[in-house]
Protein backbone atom coordinates (compact mmCIF):
# COMPACT_ATOMS: atom_id res chain seq x y z
CA MET A 1 140.34 65.29 104.00
CA VAL A 2 142.49 67.58 101.98
CA SER A 3 144.65 65.69 100.60
CA ILE A 4 147.75 66.88 98.00
CA PHE A 5 147.80 66.24 94.86
CA SER A 6 150.55 66.67 91.90
CA ARG A 7 151.49 66.30 88.37
CA GLY A 8 154.94 65.18 87.21
CA PHE A 9 156.73 64.72 90.63
CA PRO A 10 155.61 63.66 93.91
CA VAL A 11 155.37 65.90 96.60
CA ARG A 12 157.60 64.01 100.03
CA PRO A 13 158.90 66.35 101.97
CA ALA A 14 157.00 69.77 101.76
CA THR A 15 159.94 71.35 100.19
CA SER A 16 158.71 69.62 96.97
CA LEU A 17 156.65 72.61 96.43
CA LYS A 18 159.80 74.57 95.93
CA GLY A 19 159.89 75.90 92.56
CA ARG A 20 156.50 74.57 91.89
CA LYS A 21 152.65 75.98 91.13
CA PRO A 22 150.80 75.20 93.73
CA TRP A 23 147.26 76.61 94.07
CA LEU A 24 146.25 78.98 96.53
CA LEU A 25 142.60 79.23 96.95
CA ARG A 26 142.11 83.06 96.75
CA ASP A 27 142.22 84.81 100.65
CA ASP A 28 142.65 81.36 102.21
CA PRO A 29 144.45 82.11 105.01
CA ILE A 30 145.47 79.14 106.32
CA VAL A 31 146.89 77.37 103.35
CA LYS A 32 148.78 80.84 102.47
CA ALA A 33 150.38 80.36 105.78
CA LEU A 34 150.78 76.64 105.13
CA TYR A 35 153.37 77.82 101.91
CA GLN A 36 154.39 80.63 104.05
CA SER A 37 155.72 78.12 106.44
CA ILE A 38 157.61 76.02 104.39
CA GLY A 39 159.50 78.30 102.35
CA GLY A 40 160.15 79.52 98.91
CA VAL A 41 156.45 78.95 97.73
CA THR A 42 154.82 80.62 95.39
CA ALA A 43 151.20 79.49 95.37
CA VAL A 44 148.78 80.67 91.98
CA PRO A 45 145.70 82.45 93.71
CA LEU A 46 142.94 81.31 91.52
CA SER A 47 139.39 80.92 92.45
CA ALA A 48 138.35 77.26 92.24
CA PRO A 49 137.05 77.38 88.71
CA GLU A 50 139.97 79.19 87.29
CA VAL A 51 141.91 75.96 88.54
CA LEU A 52 140.72 73.47 85.59
CA PRO A 53 142.12 75.55 82.20
CA ARG A 54 145.94 76.33 84.08
CA LEU A 55 145.95 72.68 85.24
CA ASP A 56 145.63 71.96 81.37
CA THR A 57 148.82 74.51 80.74
CA SER A 58 150.77 73.38 83.41
CA ALA A 59 150.49 77.07 85.33
CA VAL A 60 148.84 75.19 88.31
CA ASN A 61 150.76 71.57 88.78
CA ALA A 62 149.27 70.61 92.83
CA VAL A 63 146.67 71.12 94.67
CA LEU A 64 145.20 70.70 98.45
CA GLN A 65 141.55 69.20 97.64
CA SER A 66 139.50 66.46 98.97
CA PRO A 67 139.89 63.64 96.94
CA LEU A 68 136.00 64.64 95.93
CA ALA A 69 136.05 68.50 95.07
CA VAL A 70 138.81 66.96 92.76
CA GLU A 71 136.57 64.53 91.20
CA GLN A 72 133.41 66.90 90.41
CA LEU A 73 135.70 69.73 89.54
CA GLN A 74 137.36 67.58 86.88
CA TRP A 75 140.71 68.28 87.69
CA ALA A 76 141.75 64.20 88.26
CA SER A 77 142.34 63.46 84.56
CA LYS A 78 145.04 66.18 85.14
CA LEU A 79 146.65 65.53 87.70
CA ASP A 80 148.69 62.29 88.63
CA THR A 81 150.48 61.43 91.84
CA ILE A 82 148.83 61.57 95.24
CA THR A 83 150.38 61.78 98.77
CA ASP A 84 149.22 59.87 101.17
CA LEU A 85 149.17 62.68 104.00
CA ALA A 86 146.05 64.14 105.28
CA VAL A 87 146.76 67.61 105.28
CA GLY A 88 143.43 68.93 106.80
CA PRO A 89 139.70 69.05 106.87
CA ARG A 90 137.76 70.34 104.69
CA VAL A 91 134.45 72.48 106.68
CA GLY A 92 131.38 73.23 105.38
CA ALA A 93 128.27 74.40 107.24
CA ILE A 94 125.09 75.54 107.27
CA VAL A 95 124.94 79.07 108.37
CA LEU A 96 121.31 80.73 109.51
CA SER A 97 121.02 84.69 110.66
CA GLN A 98 120.36 84.32 114.40
CA LYS A 99 117.79 87.72 113.85
CA ARG A 100 116.05 85.66 111.01
CA LEU A 101 116.00 82.85 113.40
CA ASP A 102 115.09 84.99 116.34
CA ALA A 103 111.99 86.46 114.47
CA LEU A 104 110.76 83.07 113.66
CA PRO A 105 107.40 81.68 116.20
CA ALA A 106 108.90 79.34 118.86
CA ASP A 107 107.20 76.61 116.81
CA LEU A 108 109.08 77.35 113.66
CA ARG A 109 112.48 77.63 114.94
CA ALA A 110 112.38 74.66 116.79
CA ILE A 111 111.03 72.88 113.29
CA VAL A 112 113.91 75.03 111.63
CA LEU A 113 116.59 73.69 114.31
CA ASP A 114 115.64 70.19 114.53
CA THR A 115 115.27 69.66 110.72
CA GLY A 116 118.86 71.68 110.40
CA LYS A 117 120.55 69.29 112.22
CA ILE A 118 119.12 65.85 110.69
CA ALA A 119 120.21 67.42 107.65
CA ALA A 120 123.04 68.49 108.78
CA ASN A 121 124.69 64.56 110.06
CA ALA A 122 123.37 63.54 106.62
CA LEU A 123 125.22 65.53 104.99
CA GLN A 124 128.03 65.20 107.21
CA THR A 125 127.92 61.71 106.61
CA ARG A 126 127.46 61.32 102.90
CA ALA A 127 130.23 63.53 102.44
CA ARG A 128 132.61 61.76 104.31
CA GLN A 129 131.06 58.33 102.37
CA GLU A 130 131.69 59.91 98.71
CA ASP A 131 134.79 61.52 99.65
CA THR A 132 136.17 57.98 100.96
CA ALA A 133 134.84 56.45 97.71
CA ALA A 134 136.65 58.75 95.87
CA LEU A 135 139.94 58.60 97.84
CA ALA A 136 139.81 55.07 96.74
CA ARG A 137 138.81 55.96 93.15
CA LEU A 138 141.87 58.26 92.90
CA LYS A 139 144.80 55.68 94.83
CA GLY A 140 143.41 52.99 91.97
CA MET A 141 144.65 55.39 89.01
CA MET A 142 147.14 57.70 90.32
CA THR A 143 150.62 57.14 91.65
CA VAL A 144 149.84 56.81 95.17
CA VAL A 145 152.74 58.54 97.24
CA SER A 146 153.95 57.19 100.55
CA LEU A 147 155.67 59.01 103.28
CA THR A 148 158.30 57.67 105.41
CA ALA A 149 157.77 58.89 108.98
CA ASP A 150 160.71 61.38 108.75
CA GLU A 151 158.80 63.15 106.07
CA ARG A 152 155.23 62.80 108.44
CA GLY A 153 157.44 64.73 111.13
CA PHE A 154 158.56 66.72 108.40
CA TRP A 155 155.41 68.04 107.53
CA ASN A 156 154.16 68.06 111.24
CA ALA A 157 156.71 70.20 111.54
CA ARG A 158 155.11 72.83 109.20
CA PHE A 159 151.62 72.24 110.05
CA LYS A 160 152.62 73.28 113.52
CA GLN A 161 154.51 76.35 112.11
CA THR A 162 150.93 77.00 110.45
CA ARG A 163 149.12 77.25 113.48
CA GLN A 164 152.08 79.46 114.81
CA ILE A 165 151.54 81.65 112.12
CA LEU A 166 147.51 82.02 112.36
CA ALA A 167 147.91 82.82 115.65
CA GLN A 168 149.59 85.36 115.18
CA GLY A 169 146.95 87.79 113.81
CA THR A 170 144.19 85.54 111.55
CA PHE A 171 143.14 83.82 114.61
CA SER A 172 142.98 84.38 117.58
CA PRO A 173 145.45 82.42 120.10
CA GLU A 174 143.20 80.90 122.29
CA LEU A 175 140.64 79.57 119.25
CA VAL A 176 143.66 78.31 117.30
CA ALA A 177 145.18 76.48 121.22
CA ARG A 178 141.16 75.65 121.62
CA LEU A 179 141.36 74.06 117.85
CA GLU A 180 145.05 72.04 119.04
CA SER A 181 143.53 70.89 122.02
CA MET A 182 141.01 68.87 120.11
CA ALA A 183 142.62 67.32 117.33
């Protein structure tokens, strides 16, 4: 799950990011829409490898990322605060071309699909366990900001507004509605 990390300031209501320098993964329409829903946020668009040196120079002072990634990318030592709010899931996938899969003989296709399912389940379980452990470690070394019910409500309103923005062209309204019904 994606958390909010910062250096030198707590992120309580979403407006805490106004005037700050949060990282935006280049070409990430979802976080871009979130910042748009907050208003007044000028994000710093970078690829993931560009973030660490920007954290060193304070050109970036907030990130939305999974705890495991914050540890693995060596960003944790540059950040001092974590907001106790799950912003959303970080999603990964194993992608196969349907054309290539269809070109396999039936027995090999079955093996690929069966072992792929087993591998995907194992990876999902392991990633979730590792991320939970990373979150516990980071909470032990950072200031943890616990949000009030009103602050959580403010964030939830921004998340809803973000979904509305995304349904206006980034994703189909049907897809957004389907995803909302699954939450």
